[in-house]
Amino acid sequence: MKVNGLGVLVGLVVLVGGYAIYDYQSEQSDIKKKSEKATLVQLNKDQISEVEIHNDQKIVLKRDTDGWVLAEPLSDLADNAVVEDFIDGSLKEKSVDTVKEGDAIDWKVYGLDQPRAEISFKTNSGNTAKVSVSGIKNYAGETYLRRNQDQQVLTGGTMWMARAEKKVFDFRDKRLMRQSAAMVEGLSFQKGKDSFQILKKEGTWISPDKKDWDIDASKVQEVLSQLNSTQVSEILDAGFTQERAGFVKGKPSLLLTVQLKENKKWTGEIFEIKKSGFYARLSEKPFAVQLGGPEAEKFLSLNIESFRDKKKAFDFKKDEVKKIEIRSSEGNLTFSSNDETIRPLLSQLRSLEISEFQTGTGSVPSPKTEIILRDQSEKEVFRLDIQKNEKGKTLAKTNLFSELFWLDERSVQKLGLKDLLAKKGESKEVQK
């Protein structure tokens, strides 16, 4: 019987290939097992419904239908993002090494007889996982850990010590206003004798005291977002202690009332105490808080003009513009809208904003620079008159806004009028 050499060769290739595949799969299986063995919290994140931290106090967090809440040592809303990040980090982090294992471990040597903290997780189905975190680190700065009741001393990254040191405040909902911005129907501000109000009527924000003013909806939304996003620096659960209570008898620097749907409202009184900072007394939890200076100033600096529409004065339609005229003491220019040199000016004009409102109507006095945009029929689409005064401020007016106002000097410079006029002068010299 003849042995087919090619067949033998093919058989060997198949055999070697099969062994290589088996060896690779076996290696991957070992890697997976080692990874699973190193995982400290072996639970499904989506099923975790309770977290407990025992350090200097007992902190209990529970998940309900609306998110995470604090159950102990007090009842309050929790910061969902903080809790989720805490769980996510705990589940992803693995042990670095196994230092010792067996029944003869002296837990005291590793600070695990009385750990700095015990962090436990519980799922909806009752499965649990616990990590004991020592207050002692090894020479490499790694923290000694114990998983559940395993007879092993493990080491882990520095984040375990950070988790062990967590306080109740770290998990609390620290938003100044917890109500949803979508529920807001009105804002009232009272600062001393001055007060103003912004209301939403049929989807449009208005000022009852300044009915002819256009209110900038994006500015209202910005303030509401600030109320929701401002984080308090301290929550005073015991109320205002004696050294912080002096302002309670006086009037606040600002009383802010937020009118909500279903005839509900939220109020915040902001007080400033010399050498102590800013505090707020709220109508709902967390009731009494401390604010950072920049956070408080954002609200204290608001006035009715803060909400005026600063863009409407420049709300012309670019596609209607066919001709551009510039008139000044340095000369007059005329351009077609198709001229490449003038297109940046149109974009800059459209993006201008009022820097400061000037009380009263009227016109910009001479000498002034006039920018006139016309349509196909020579009709005036937009007109901007500007004059720079002796103090370097630019007074302005447009045909789309009845009042005089001030423009930011940098915005005026971006219009590039000097360059356009200079180029016109150069072209005249060439023509001579």
Protein backbone atom coordinates (compact mmCIF):
# COMPACT_ATOMS: atom_id res chain seq x y z
CA MET A 1 0.00 0.00 0.00
CA LYS A 2 1.47 3.35 -1.09
CA VAL A 3 1.40 6.27 1.26
CA ASN A 4 0.30 9.45 -0.46
CA GLY A 5 2.85 12.12 0.57
CA LEU A 6 0.52 15.00 -0.18
CA GLY A 7 -2.22 13.47 1.93
CA VAL A 8 0.14 13.04 4.86
CA LEU A 9 1.25 16.64 4.53
CA VAL A 10 -2.34 17.90 4.44
CA GLY A 11 -3.15 15.78 7.49
CA LEU A 12 -0.22 17.22 9.41
CA VAL A 13 -1.25 20.75 8.49
CA VAL A 14 -4.79 20.10 9.67
CA LEU A 15 -3.50 18.52 12.89
CA VAL A 16 -1.12 21.39 13.64
CA GLY A 17 -3.77 23.97 12.74
CA GLY A 18 -6.32 22.29 14.98
CA TYR A 19 -3.87 22.22 17.86
CA ALA A 20 -3.05 25.91 17.36
CA ILE A 21 -6.73 26.80 17.42
CA TYR A 22 -7.25 24.69 20.55
CA ASP A 23 -4.20 26.26 22.20
CA TYR A 24 -5.43 29.78 21.35
CA GLN A 25 -8.93 29.08 22.63
CA SER A 26 -7.51 27.54 25.78
CA GLU A 27 -5.28 30.59 26.31
CA GLN A 28 -8.23 32.97 25.82
CA SER A 29 -10.29 30.92 28.24
CA ASP A 30 -7.50 31.18 30.86
CA ILE A 31 -7.28 34.94 30.34
CA LYS A 32 -11.05 35.25 30.76
CA LYS A 33 -11.00 33.17 33.93
CA LYS A 34 -8.16 35.25 35.38
CA SER A 35 -10.02 38.44 34.53
CA GLU A 36 -13.20 37.17 36.18
CA LYS A 37 -11.22 36.04 39.21
CA ALA A 38 -9.66 39.51 39.52
CA THR A 39 -13.06 41.25 39.30
CA LEU A 40 -13.93 42.47 42.78
CA VAL A 41 -17.66 43.10 42.26
CA GLN A 42 -19.14 40.35 40.11
CA LEU A 43 -22.65 41.72 39.63
CA ASN A 44 -24.70 43.05 36.73
CA LYS A 45 -24.66 46.85 36.97
CA ASP A 46 -28.23 47.23 35.67
CA GLN A 47 -29.54 44.95 38.41
CA ILE A 48 -27.88 46.75 41.33
CA SER A 49 -30.59 48.38 43.44
CA GLU A 50 -28.77 49.20 46.67
CA VAL A 51 -25.35 50.44 47.78
CA GLU A 52 -24.07 50.59 51.36
CA ILE A 53 -20.90 52.24 52.59
CA HIS A 54 -19.78 51.74 56.19
CA ASN A 55 -16.93 54.08 57.18
CA ASP A 56 -17.32 56.75 59.86
CA GLN A 57 -21.04 56.43 59.29
CA LYS A 58 -23.48 54.24 57.44
CA ILE A 59 -24.53 55.50 54.03
CA VAL A 60 -27.35 53.71 52.23
CA LEU A 61 -28.36 54.47 48.64
CA LYS A 62 -31.40 52.91 47.00
CA ARG A 63 -32.69 52.98 43.45
CA ASP A 64 -36.35 53.83 42.90
CA THR A 65 -38.39 54.47 39.76
CA ASP A 66 -37.06 58.04 39.40
CA GLY A 67 -33.41 57.30 40.14
CA TRP A 68 -31.17 57.05 43.18
CA VAL A 69 -32.11 58.31 46.65
CA LEU A 70 -30.37 58.50 50.00
CA ALA A 71 -32.05 56.30 52.60
CA GLU A 72 -29.51 56.63 55.46
CA PRO A 73 -28.35 58.50 57.46
CA LEU A 74 -30.96 60.91 56.05
CA SER A 75 -33.66 60.87 53.39
CA ASP A 76 -32.96 62.97 50.30
CA LEU A 77 -32.47 62.82 46.53
CA ALA A 78 -29.10 61.53 45.39
CA ASP A 79 -26.98 62.75 42.50
CA ASN A 80 -27.65 60.04 39.91
CA ALA A 81 -24.48 60.74 37.94
CA VAL A 82 -22.29 60.45 41.06
CA VAL A 83 -23.90 57.18 42.18
CA GLU A 84 -23.71 55.65 38.71
CA ASP A 85 -20.06 56.65 38.41
CA PHE A 86 -19.34 55.11 41.83
CA ILE A 87 -20.95 51.80 40.81
CA ASP A 88 -19.43 51.78 37.34
CA GLY A 89 -15.91 52.35 38.68
CA SER A 90 -16.32 49.68 41.36
CA LEU A 91 -17.46 47.08 38.83
CA LYS A 92 -14.75 47.80 36.29
CA GLU A 93 -11.80 47.89 38.66
CA LYS A 94 -9.93 44.63 39.23
CA SER A 95 -7.53 43.51 41.90
CA VAL A 96 -3.85 44.00 41.18
CA ASP A 97 -2.41 41.04 43.04
CA THR A 98 -3.12 38.33 45.60
CA VAL A 99 -0.85 38.92 48.60
CA LYS A 100 -1.86 36.05 50.82
CA GLU A 101 -4.54 33.38 50.97
CA GLY A 102 -5.65 30.58 53.25
CA ASP A 103 -7.13 30.12 56.71
CA ALA A 104 -4.08 31.40 58.60
CA ILE A 105 -4.25 35.03 57.50
CA ASP A 106 -3.63 37.61 60.21
CA TRP A 107 -6.09 40.23 58.98
CA LYS A 108 -4.75 42.80 61.45
CA VAL A 109 -1.42 42.92 59.62
CA TYR A 110 -3.21 44.20 56.53
CA GLY A 111 -5.66 46.48 58.34
CA LEU A 112 -8.59 44.28 57.36
CA ASP A 113 -9.62 43.20 60.87
CA GLN A 114 -11.19 46.66 61.20
CA PRO A 115 -11.26 47.98 57.63
CA ARG A 116 -11.43 51.66 56.82
CA ALA A 117 -14.68 50.97 54.97
CA GLU A 118 -16.93 48.18 53.80
CA ILE A 119 -18.68 48.78 50.48
CA SER A 120 -21.61 46.49 49.65
CA PHE A 121 -23.79 46.12 46.56
CA LYS A 122 -27.15 44.37 46.30
CA THR A 123 -29.22 43.40 43.26
CA ASN A 124 -32.95 43.13 42.73
CA SER A 125 -32.70 39.35 42.99
CA GLY A 126 -30.89 39.51 46.34
CA ASN A 127 -27.34 38.79 45.14
CA THR A 128 -24.69 40.71 47.05
CA ALA A 129 -21.03 41.65 46.80
CA LYS A 130 -18.82 43.34 49.37
CA VAL A 131 -15.37 44.89 49.26
CA SER A 132 -13.55 45.62 52.51
CA VAL A 133 -11.05 48.45 52.10
CA SER A 134 -8.05 48.71 54.41
CA GLY A 135 -6.60 51.97 55.66
CA ILE A 136 -3.14 50.53 54.98
CA LYS A 137 -1.26 50.56 51.68
CA ASN A 138 1.69 48.50 50.49
CA TYR A 139 5.07 49.88 49.35
CA ALA A 140 3.65 50.53 45.85
CA GLY A 141 0.80 52.64 47.22
CA GLU A 142 -1.80 49.94 46.51
CA THR A 143 -4.66 49.41 48.97
CA TYR A 144 -5.24 46.08 50.72
CA LEU A 145 -8.69 44.66 49.98
CA ARG A 146 -10.87 41.70 50.85
CA ARG A 147 -13.64 40.46 48.56
CA ASN A 148 -16.75 39.18 50.35
CA GLN A 149 -15.58 36.66 53.00
CA ASP A 150 -12.88 35.17 50.79
CA GLN A 151 -9.76 33.98 52.56
CA GLN A 152 -7.57 36.19 50.44
CA VAL A 153 -5.74 39.48 50.83
CA LEU A 154 -5.84 41.39 47.56
CA THR A 155 -4.42 44.72 46.45
CA GLY A 156 -6.25 47.32 44.42
CA GLY A 157 -5.83 50.78 42.92
CA THR A 158 -5.92 54.07 44.80
CA MET A 159 -9.55 54.71 43.80
CA TRP A 160 -10.67 52.20 46.43
CA MET A 161 -9.34 54.47 49.16
CA ALA A 162 -11.18 57.40 47.55
CA ARG A 163 -14.39 55.36 47.57
CA ALA A 164 -13.82 54.42 51.20
CA GLU A 165 -13.61 58.10 52.17
CA LYS A 166 -16.92 59.10 50.57
CA LYS A 167 -19.25 61.25 52.67
CA VAL A 168 -23.01 61.73 52.57
CA PHE A 169 -22.61 65.15 50.94
CA ASP A 170 -20.73 63.58 48.01
CA PHE A 171 -23.84 61.64 46.99
CA ARG A 172 -26.49 64.28 47.62
CA ASP A 173 -28.35 66.14 44.90
CA LYS A 174 -26.54 69.48 45.20
CA ARG A 175 -28.57 71.42 42.61
CA LEU A 176 -29.74 74.80 43.83
CA MET A 177 -33.16 74.23 42.22
CA ARG A 178 -34.30 70.67 41.67
CA GLN A 179 -37.46 71.49 39.74
CA SER A 180 -37.38 70.83 36.01
CA ALA A 181 -36.96 73.89 33.77
CA ALA A 182 -39.81 72.50 31.63
CA MET A 183 -42.19 73.18 34.55
CA VAL A 184 -41.33 76.91 34.77
CA GLU A 185 -43.91 79.47 33.66
CA GLY A 186 -42.53 82.62 35.24
CA LEU A 187 -39.62 84.28 37.05
CA SER A 188 -39.79 87.12 39.58
CA PHE A 189 -36.76 88.99 40.93
CA GLN A 190 -36.78 91.35 43.88
CA LYS A 191 -33.61 93.18 44.91
CA GLY A 192 -34.32 95.71 47.61
CA LYS A 193 -36.94 98.13 46.22
CA ASP A 194 -36.36 97.02 42.64
CA SER A 195 -38.34 94.17 41.14
CA PHE A 196 -39.18 92.74 37.74
CA GLN A 197 -40.98 89.75 36.29
CA ILE A 198 -40.71 87.51 33.23
CA LEU A 199 -43.73 85.38 32.21
CA LYS A 200 -44.41 82.79 29.54
CA LYS A 201 -47.60 83.51 27.57
CA GLU A 202 -48.64 81.13 24.81
CA GLY A 203 -45.08 79.89 24.46
CA THR A 204 -43.50 83.37 24.34
CA TRP A 205 -41.60 85.06 27.17
CA ILE A 206 -42.75 88.61 27.97
CA SER A 207 -42.19 91.34 30.54
CA PRO A 208 -45.52 92.59 31.99
CA ASP A 209 -43.85 95.91 32.90
CA LYS A 210 -42.11 96.31 29.52
CA LYS A 211 -44.65 94.98 27.07
CA ASP A 212 -42.94 96.56 24.07
CA TRP A 213 -39.64 94.79 24.83
CA ASP A 214 -38.63 91.59 23.10
CA ILE A 215 -37.47 89.03 25.65
CA ASP A 216 -34.65 86.69 24.64
CA ALA A 217 -35.95 83.15 25.21
CA SER A 218 -32.41 81.75 25.09
CA LYS A 219 -31.39 84.04 27.99
CA VAL A 220 -34.36 82.84 30.05
CA GLN A 221 -33.36 79.26 29.30
CA GLU A 222 -29.77 80.05 30.28
CA VAL A 223 -30.88 81.33 33.70
CA LEU A 224 -33.11 78.29 34.24
CA SER A 225 -30.22 76.02 33.31
CA GLN A 226 -28.03 77.85 35.81
CA LEU A 227 -30.61 77.30 38.54
CA ASN A 228 -30.60 73.58 37.73
CA SER A 229 -26.85 73.23 37.27
CA THR A 230 -25.53 75.44 40.10
CA GLN A 231 -24.04 73.19 42.75
CA VAL A 232 -24.23 74.33 46.36
CA SER A 233 -20.98 74.12 48.32
CA GLU A 234 -22.64 73.06 51.57
CA ILE A 235 -26.01 71.82 52.75
CA LEU A 236 -26.96 72.98 56.23
CA ASP A 237 -29.16 70.16 57.51
CA ALA A 238 -29.32 71.63 61.01
CA GLY A 239 -30.48 74.93 59.58
CA PHE A 240 -28.58 78.16 60.08
CA THR A 241 -26.37 77.99 63.14
CA GLN A 242 -25.91 81.03 65.35
CA GLU A 243 -22.93 82.45 63.45
CA ARG A 244 -24.78 82.09 60.15
CA ALA A 245 -28.22 83.15 61.34
CA GLY A 246 -27.70 86.90 61.41
CA PHE A 247 -29.11 87.42 57.96
CA VAL A 248 -32.33 85.53 58.62
CA LYS A 249 -33.75 88.56 60.43
CA GLY A 250 -32.79 90.92 57.60
CA LYS A 251 -33.85 91.20 53.97
CA PRO A 252 -32.17 89.06 51.33
CA SER A 253 -29.95 90.53 48.63
CA LEU A 254 -32.21 88.74 46.15
CA LEU A 255 -35.58 87.05 46.41
CA LEU A 256 -36.10 84.82 43.39
CA THR A 257 -39.55 83.29 42.82
CA VAL A 258 -40.04 80.64 40.15
CA GLN A 259 -43.65 80.13 39.09
CA LEU A 260 -44.32 76.49 38.17
CA LYS A 261 -47.14 74.64 36.50
CA GLU A 262 -50.13 73.52 38.57
CA ASN A 263 -49.94 76.78 40.59
CA LYS A 264 -46.79 75.65 42.38
CA LYS A 265 -43.77 77.81 43.06
CA TRP A 266 -40.18 77.64 44.23
CA THR A 267 -38.43 80.47 46.07
CA GLY A 268 -34.81 81.16 46.83
CA GLU A 269 -33.54 83.94 49.07
CA ILE A 270 -29.86 84.76 48.64
CA PHE A 271 -28.03 86.49 51.48
CA GLU A 272 -24.48 87.77 51.78
CA ILE A 273 -22.71 87.71 55.13
CA LYS A 274 -19.42 89.55 55.38
CA LYS A 275 -16.44 87.22 55.85
CA SER A 276 -18.76 84.20 55.58
CA GLY A 277 -19.91 84.27 51.98
CA PHE A 278 -23.26 83.69 50.32
CA TYR A 279 -26.14 81.61 51.68
CA ALA A 280 -29.57 80.73 50.38
CA ARG A 281 -32.81 79.86 52.10
CA LEU A 282 -34.96 77.69 49.83
CA SER A 283 -38.65 76.78 49.93
CA GLU A 284 -37.87 73.11 49.25
CA LYS A 285 -35.08 70.68 50.00
CA PRO A 286 -32.26 71.21 50.68
CA PHE A 287 -33.77 74.30 52.40
CA ALA A 288 -30.56 75.94 53.69
CA VAL A 289 -27.34 76.01 51.66
CA GLN A 290 -24.10 77.85 51.12
CA LEU A 291 -23.16 79.13 47.65
CA GLY A 292 -19.83 80.02 46.12
CA GLY A 293 -19.31 83.68 45.27
CA PRO A 294 -19.31 83.28 41.46
CA GLU A 295 -22.46 81.15 41.61
CA ALA A 296 -24.33 83.72 43.72
CA GLU A 297 -23.13 86.66 41.61
CA LYS A 298 -24.62 85.10 38.47
CA PHE A 299 -28.09 85.68 39.94
CA LEU A 300 -27.40 88.89 41.87
CA SER A 301 -26.16 90.63 38.71
CA LEU A 302 -29.38 89.99 36.76
CA ASN A 303 -31.73 92.83 35.88
CA ILE A 304 -34.62 93.25 33.46
CA GLU A 305 -32.25 94.31 30.67
CA SER A 306 -30.36 91.03 31.07
CA PHE A 307 -33.34 89.36 29.41
CA ARG A 308 -33.79 91.80 26.50
CA ASP A 309 -33.23 90.45 23.02
CA LYS A 310 -29.83 91.84 22.00
CA LYS A 311 -29.87 90.35 18.50
CA LYS A 312 -33.18 91.52 17.05
CA ALA A 313 -31.70 94.89 16.06
CA PHE A 314 -29.59 93.00 13.49
CA ASP A 315 -32.19 90.47 12.35
CA PHE A 316 -32.14 91.29 8.62
CA LYS A 317 -32.42 88.72 5.81
CA LYS A 318 -29.04 88.25 4.14
CA ASP A 319 -30.51 86.66 1.02
CA GLU A 320 -32.43 89.89 0.25
CA VAL A 321 -29.29 92.03 0.20
CA LYS A 322 -28.06 92.94 -3.31
CA LYS A 323 -26.25 96.22 -2.70
CA ILE A 324 -24.13 97.59 0.18
CA GLU A 325 -23.34 101.26 0.78
CA ILE A 326 -20.83 102.59 3.31
CA ARG A 327 -20.81 106.33 3.99
CA SER A 328 -18.29 108.04 6.22
CA SER A 329 -16.14 111.15 6.53
CA GLU A 330 -13.35 109.15 4.89
CA GLY A 331 -15.37 108.46 1.76
CA ASN A 332 -18.30 106.54 0.32
CA LEU A 333 -18.24 102.95 -0.94
CA THR A 334 -20.73 100.86 -2.92
CA PHE A 335 -20.52 97.09 -3.34
CA SER A 336 -22.51 94.32 -4.92
CA SER A 337 -23.46 91.48 -2.58
CA ASN A 338 -21.57 89.18 -4.97
CA ASP A 339 -18.32 90.99 -4.23
CA GLU A 340 -16.05 88.61 -2.27
CA THR A 341 -14.54 91.49 -0.27
CA ILE A 342 -17.89 92.45 1.26
CA ARG A 343 -19.26 89.05 2.29
CA PRO A 344 -17.42 88.97 5.66
CA LEU A 345 -19.06 92.31 6.53
CA LEU A 346 -22.55 90.89 5.95
CA SER A 347 -21.81 87.92 8.23
CA GLN A 348 -20.37 90.16 10.95
CA LEU A 349 -23.37 92.51 10.80
CA ARG A 350 -25.74 89.57 11.18
CA SER A 351 -23.87 88.30 14.25
CA LEU A 352 -23.71 91.64 16.10
CA GLU A 353 -25.29 91.97 19.56
CA ILE A 354 -26.19 95.03 21.61
CA SER A 355 -23.60 95.51 24.33
CA GLU A 356 -25.59 98.00 26.40
CA PHE A 357 -28.98 99.66 25.98
CA GLN A 358 -29.17 103.47 25.85
CA THR A 359 -32.30 105.01 27.37
CA GLY A 360 -34.38 106.94 24.85
CA THR A 361 -34.87 107.11 21.12
CA GLY A 362 -33.34 109.43 18.53
CA SER A 363 -30.60 109.22 15.96
CA VAL A 364 -26.82 108.88 16.01
CA PRO A 365 -25.31 112.39 15.71
CA SER A 366 -22.76 113.32 13.06
CA PRO A 367 -20.00 112.63 12.25
CA LYS A 368 -21.06 109.06 11.86
CA THR A 369 -20.54 106.01 9.68
CA GLU A 370 -23.58 104.62 7.86
CA ILE A 371 -23.92 101.09 6.52
CA ILE A 372 -26.95 100.62 4.27
CA LEU A 373 -28.07 97.32 2.79
CA ARG A 374 -30.50 97.44 -0.14
CA ASP A 375 -32.51 94.84 -2.05
CA GLN A 376 -32.98 94.43 -5.81
CA SER A 377 -35.41 97.36 -5.97
CA GLU A 378 -33.08 99.68 -3.97
CA LYS A 379 -35.32 99.37 -0.92
CA GLU A 380 -33.52 99.69 2.40
CA VAL A 381 -33.28 96.22 4.01
CA PHE A 382 -31.04 97.22 6.89
CA ARG A 383 -29.28 100.32 8.13
CA LEU A 384 -26.68 100.72 10.86
CA ASP A 385 -25.43 104.13 12.02
CA ILE A 386 -22.44 104.23 14.36
CA GLN A 387 -20.34 106.89 16.05
CA LYS A 388 -17.31 106.41 18.25
CA ASN A 389 -17.26 108.97 21.08
CA GLU A 390 -14.31 110.50 22.91
CA LYS A 391 -14.35 107.72 25.50
CA GLY A 392 -13.91 105.03 22.84
CA LYS A 393 -17.49 103.77 23.10
CA THR A 394 -19.56 103.21 19.98
CA LEU A 395 -23.10 104.62 19.90
CA ALA A 396 -25.34 102.89 17.37
CA LYS A 397 -28.84 102.55 15.94
CA THR A 398 -30.49 100.36 13.31
CA ASN A 399 -33.71 100.72 11.36
CA LEU A 400 -34.94 97.50 13.05
CA PHE A 401 -34.74 98.88 16.60
CA SER A 402 -36.27 102.12 17.86
CA GLU A 403 -33.74 102.85 20.61
CA LEU A 404 -30.13 103.95 20.63
CA PHE A 405 -27.63 101.46 22.04
CA TRP A 406 -23.93 100.81 22.55
CA LEU A 407 -21.80 98.29 20.67
CA ASP A 408 -18.76 96.46 21.95
CA GLU A 409 -15.67 98.03 20.35
CA ARG A 410 -14.20 94.66 19.41
CA SER A 411 -17.37 93.81 17.49
CA VAL A 412 -17.11 97.09 15.58
CA GLN A 413 -13.49 96.39 14.73
CA LYS A 414 -14.46 92.99 13.32
CA LEU A 415 -16.63 94.74 10.73
CA GLY A 416 -13.40 95.67 8.97
CA LEU A 417 -14.59 99.12 7.86
CA LYS A 418 -11.11 100.65 8.10
CA ASP A 419 -9.67 98.01 5.79
CA LEU A 420 -12.46 98.50 3.26
CA LEU A 421 -11.97 102.25 3.25
CA ALA A 422 -8.20 101.85 3.00
CA LYS A 423 -8.54 99.58 -0.04
CA LYS A 424 -10.84 102.16 -1.62
CA GLY A 425 -8.17 104.81 -1.06
CA GLU A 426 -5.48 102.57 -2.58
CA SER A 427 -7.61 101.99 -5.67
CA LYS A 428 -7.98 105.77 -6.12
CA GLU A 429 -4.19 106.24 -5.97
CA VAL A 430 -3.73 103.60 -8.68
CA GLN A 431 -6.32 105.29 -10.88
CA LYS A 432 -4.39 108.58 -10.66
